C-alpha atoms as a PDB file:
ATOM      1  CA  UNK A   1       0.000   0.000   0.000  1.00  0.00           C
ATOM      2  CA  UNK A   2       1.191   3.538  -0.737  1.00  0.00           C
ATOM      3  CA  UNK A   3       1.035   5.625   2.442  1.00  0.00           C
ATOM      4  CA  UNK A   4       1.230   9.420   2.448  1.00  0.00           C
ATOM      5  CA  UNK A   5       2.408  10.550   5.866  1.00  0.00           C
ATOM      6  CA  UNK A   6       0.813  13.568   7.452  1.00  0.00           C
ATOM      7  CA  UNK A   7       3.428  15.909   8.916  1.00  0.00           C
ATOM      8  CA  UNK A   8       2.951  14.922  12.552  1.00  0.00           C
ATOM      9  CA  UNK A   9       3.059  11.213  11.672  1.00  0.00           C
ATOM     10  CA  UNK A  10       6.379  11.796   9.889  1.00  0.00           C
ATOM     11  CA  UNK A  11       7.769  13.628  12.923  1.00  0.00           C
ATOM     12  CA  UNK A  12       6.605  10.872  15.277  1.00  0.00           C
ATOM     13  CA  UNK A  13       8.096   8.216  12.998  1.00  0.00           C
ATOM     14  CA  UNK A  14      11.468   9.991  12.978  1.00  0.00           C
ATOM     15  CA  UNK A  15      11.324  10.374  16.771  1.00  0.00           C
ATOM     16  CA  UNK A  16      10.267   6.738  17.296  1.00  0.00           C
ATOM     17  CA  UNK A  17       7.421   8.246  19.271  1.00  0.00           C
ATOM     18  CA  UNK A  18       5.032   6.217  21.370  1.00  0.00           C
ATOM     19  CA  UNK A  19       2.344   8.621  20.114  1.00  0.00           C
ATOM     20  CA  UNK A  20       1.997   6.465  16.991  1.00  0.00           C
ATOM     21  CA  UNK A  21      -0.885   4.068  17.440  1.00  0.00           C
ATOM     22  CA  UNK A  22      -0.128   0.349  17.360  1.00  0.00           C
ATOM     23  CA  UNK A  23      -1.741  -0.180  13.944  1.00  0.00           C
ATOM     24  CA  UNK A  24      -0.078   2.908  12.467  1.00  0.00           C
ATOM     25  CA  UNK A  25       3.331   1.809  13.759  1.00  0.00           C
ATOM     26  CA  UNK A  26       2.743  -1.651  12.279  1.00  0.00           C
ATOM     27  CA  UNK A  27       1.709  -0.177   8.905  1.00  0.00           C
ATOM     28  CA  UNK A  28       4.748   2.108   8.827  1.00  0.00           C
ATOM     29  CA  UNK A  29       7.117  -0.744   9.679  1.00  0.00           C
ATOM     30  CA  UNK A  30       5.617  -3.079   7.062  1.00  0.00           C
ATOM     31  CA  UNK A  31       8.162  -3.219   4.227  1.00  0.00           C
ATOM     32  CA  UNK A  32       5.351  -4.082   1.794  1.00  0.00           C
ATOM     33  CA  UNK A  33       4.080  -0.529   2.264  1.00  0.00           C
ATOM     34  CA  UNK A  34       5.638   2.409   0.447  1.00  0.00           C
ATOM     35  CA  UNK A  35       6.110   5.594   2.505  1.00  0.00           C
ATOM     36  CA  UNK A  36       5.396   8.866   0.694  1.00  0.00           C
ATOM     37  CA  UNK A  37       5.928  12.419   1.853  1.00  0.00           C
ATOM     38  CA  UNK A  38       4.847  15.761   0.463  1.00  0.00           C
ATOM     39  CA  UNK A  39       7.328  18.654   0.361  1.00  0.00           C
ATOM     40  CA  UNK A  40       4.563  20.553   2.152  1.00  0.00           C
ATOM     41  CA  UNK A  41       5.484  18.543   5.265  1.00  0.00           C
ATOM     42  CA  UNK A  42       9.064  19.762   5.040  1.00  0.00           C
ATOM     43  CA  UNK A  43       7.803  23.336   4.692  1.00  0.00           C
ATOM     44  CA  UNK A  44       5.490  22.823   7.673  1.00  0.00           C
ATOM     45  CA  UNK A  45       8.262  21.398   9.893  1.00  0.00           C
ATOM     46  CA  UNK A  46      10.633  24.237   9.015  1.00  0.00           C
ATOM     47  CA  UNK A  47       7.930  26.833   9.711  1.00  0.00           C
ATOM     48  CA  UNK A  48       7.036  25.260  13.045  1.00  0.00           C
ATOM     49  CA  UNK A  49      10.709  25.141  13.998  1.00  0.00           C
ATOM     50  CA  UNK A  50      11.253  28.783  12.985  1.00  0.00           C
ATOM     51  CA  UNK A  51       8.215  29.831  15.052  1.00  0.00           C
ATOM     52  CA  UNK A  52       9.582  27.787  17.984  1.00  0.00           C
ATOM     53  CA  UNK A  53       6.455  25.595  18.032  1.00  0.00           C
ATOM     54  CA  UNK A  54       8.573  22.529  17.242  1.00  0.00           C
ATOM     55  CA  UNK A  55      12.003  21.786  18.605  1.00  0.00           C
ATOM     56  CA  UNK A  56      14.193  19.673  16.362  1.00  0.00           C
ATOM     57  CA  UNK A  57      16.981  17.597  17.934  1.00  0.00           C
ATOM     58  CA  UNK A  58      19.538  19.269  15.652  1.00  0.00           C
ATOM     59  CA  UNK A  59      19.953  22.012  13.091  1.00  0.00           C
ATOM     60  CA  UNK A  60      17.210  21.660  10.416  1.00  0.00           C
ATOM     61  CA  UNK A  61      19.884  21.291   7.722  1.00  0.00           C
ATOM     62  CA  UNK A  62      21.276  18.288   9.610  1.00  0.00           C
ATOM     63  CA  UNK A  63      17.906  16.899  10.719  1.00  0.00           C
ATOM     64  CA  UNK A  64      16.199  16.936   7.331  1.00  0.00           C
ATOM     65  CA  UNK A  65      18.385  14.417   5.425  1.00  0.00           C
ATOM     66  CA  UNK A  66      18.150  11.997   8.352  1.00  0.00           C
ATOM     67  CA  UNK A  67      14.385  12.487   8.604  1.00  0.00           C
ATOM     68  CA  UNK A  68      13.942  11.821   4.885  1.00  0.00           C
ATOM     69  CA  UNK A  69      16.063   8.666   4.917  1.00  0.00           C
ATOM     70  CA  UNK A  70      13.125   6.277   5.457  1.00  0.00           C
ATOM     71  CA  UNK A  71      10.864   7.877   2.873  1.00  0.00           C
ATOM     72  CA  UNK A  72      10.674   5.945  -0.393  1.00  0.00           C
ATOM     73  CA  UNK A  73       8.726   8.455  -2.495  1.00  0.00           C
ATOM     74  CA  UNK A  74       8.454  12.228  -2.531  1.00  0.00           C
ATOM     75  CA  UNK A  75       5.081  13.377  -3.790  1.00  0.00           C
ATOM     76  CA  UNK A  76       5.434  16.347  -6.115  1.00  0.00           C
ATOM     77  CA  UNK A  77       3.389  19.467  -5.499  1.00  0.00           C
ATOM     78  CA  UNK A  78       1.629  20.063  -8.799  1.00  0.00           C
ATOM     79  CA  UNK A  79      -0.902  22.479 -10.236  1.00  0.00           C
ATOM     80  CA  UNK A  80      -3.443  19.637 -10.161  1.00  0.00           C
ATOM     81  CA  UNK A  81      -2.884  19.240  -6.413  1.00  0.00           C
ATOM     82  CA  UNK A  82      -3.286  22.973  -5.855  1.00  0.00           C
ATOM     83  CA  UNK A  83      -6.604  22.904  -7.725  1.00  0.00           C
ATOM     84  CA  UNK A  84      -7.762  19.859  -5.755  1.00  0.00           C
ATOM     85  CA  UNK A  85      -6.767  21.553  -2.482  1.00  0.00           C
ATOM     86  CA  UNK A  86      -8.937  24.534  -3.356  1.00  0.00           C
ATOM     87  CA  UNK A  87     -11.927  22.229  -3.816  1.00  0.00           C
ATOM     88  CA  UNK A  88     -11.493  20.578  -0.409  1.00  0.00           C
ATOM     89  CA  UNK A  89     -13.729  21.994   2.273  1.00  0.00           C
ATOM     90  CA  UNK A  90     -12.649  19.764   5.134  1.00  0.00           C
ATOM     91  CA  UNK A  91      -9.444  21.550   6.129  1.00  0.00           C
ATOM     92  CA  UNK A  92      -8.772  25.185   6.945  1.00  0.00           C
ATOM     93  CA  UNK A  93      -5.040  24.670   7.425  1.00  0.00           C
ATOM     94  CA  UNK A  94      -3.320  25.084   4.039  1.00  0.00           C
ATOM     95  CA  UNK A  95      -0.741  22.362   4.757  1.00  0.00           C
ATOM     96  CA  UNK A  96      -3.495  19.882   5.626  1.00  0.00           C
ATOM     97  CA  UNK A  97      -5.376  20.807   2.466  1.00  0.00           C
ATOM     98  CA  UNK A  98      -2.316  20.256   0.270  1.00  0.00           C
ATOM     99  CA  UNK A  99      -1.492  16.938   1.931  1.00  0.00           C
ATOM    100  CA  UNK A 100      -5.088  15.698   1.648  1.00  0.00           C
ATOM    101  CA  UNK A 101      -5.214  16.813  -1.996  1.00  0.00           C
ATOM    102  CA  UNK A 102      -1.887  15.076  -2.686  1.00  0.00           C
ATOM    103  CA  UNK A 103      -3.314  11.809  -1.363  1.00  0.00           C
ATOM    104  CA  UNK A 104      -6.418  12.271  -3.476  1.00  0.00           C
ATOM    105  CA  UNK A 105      -4.592  13.103  -6.721  1.00  0.00           C
ATOM    106  CA  UNK A 106      -1.979  10.343  -6.401  1.00  0.00           C
ATOM    107  CA  UNK A 107      -4.367   7.701  -5.020  1.00  0.00           C
ATOM    108  CA  UNK A 108      -2.469   7.368  -1.733  1.00  0.00           C
ATOM    109  CA  UNK A 109      -3.726   6.342   1.697  1.00  0.00           C
ATOM    110  CA  UNK A 110      -3.181   9.339   3.974  1.00  0.00           C
ATOM    111  CA  UNK A 111      -1.865   8.392   7.403  1.00  0.00           C
ATOM    112  CA  UNK A 112      -2.938  10.934   9.993  1.00  0.00           C
ATOM    113  CA  UNK A 113      -4.044  11.233  13.581  1.00  0.00           C
ATOM    114  CA  UNK A 114      -6.756  13.507  14.864  1.00  0.00           C
ATOM    115  CA  UNK A 115      -5.010  15.872  17.267  1.00  0.00           C
END
């Protein structure tokens, strides 16, 4: 299965966080599944870090390559995704809208957690 990670799921995966549910952790560890990430998640992490709402264990330039190491596919941000994001009414947060639209356009299962 092709899994698009929501930003917080990606962060928790990198941190080996216990906040991941048992089924989510199992799905992420299953080598039959392909892990996808949107560049919007990178943008969101860097913005949260800059605003001091997220503390990274190292400099973002050092953290990012390590955090991307387990990701098999990088979902491109396309004009089609932007148009799909504009049609979504379920998310007010622009990052969430782009990630949800990315899953929709590429036929990916979005892995998220209601915060």
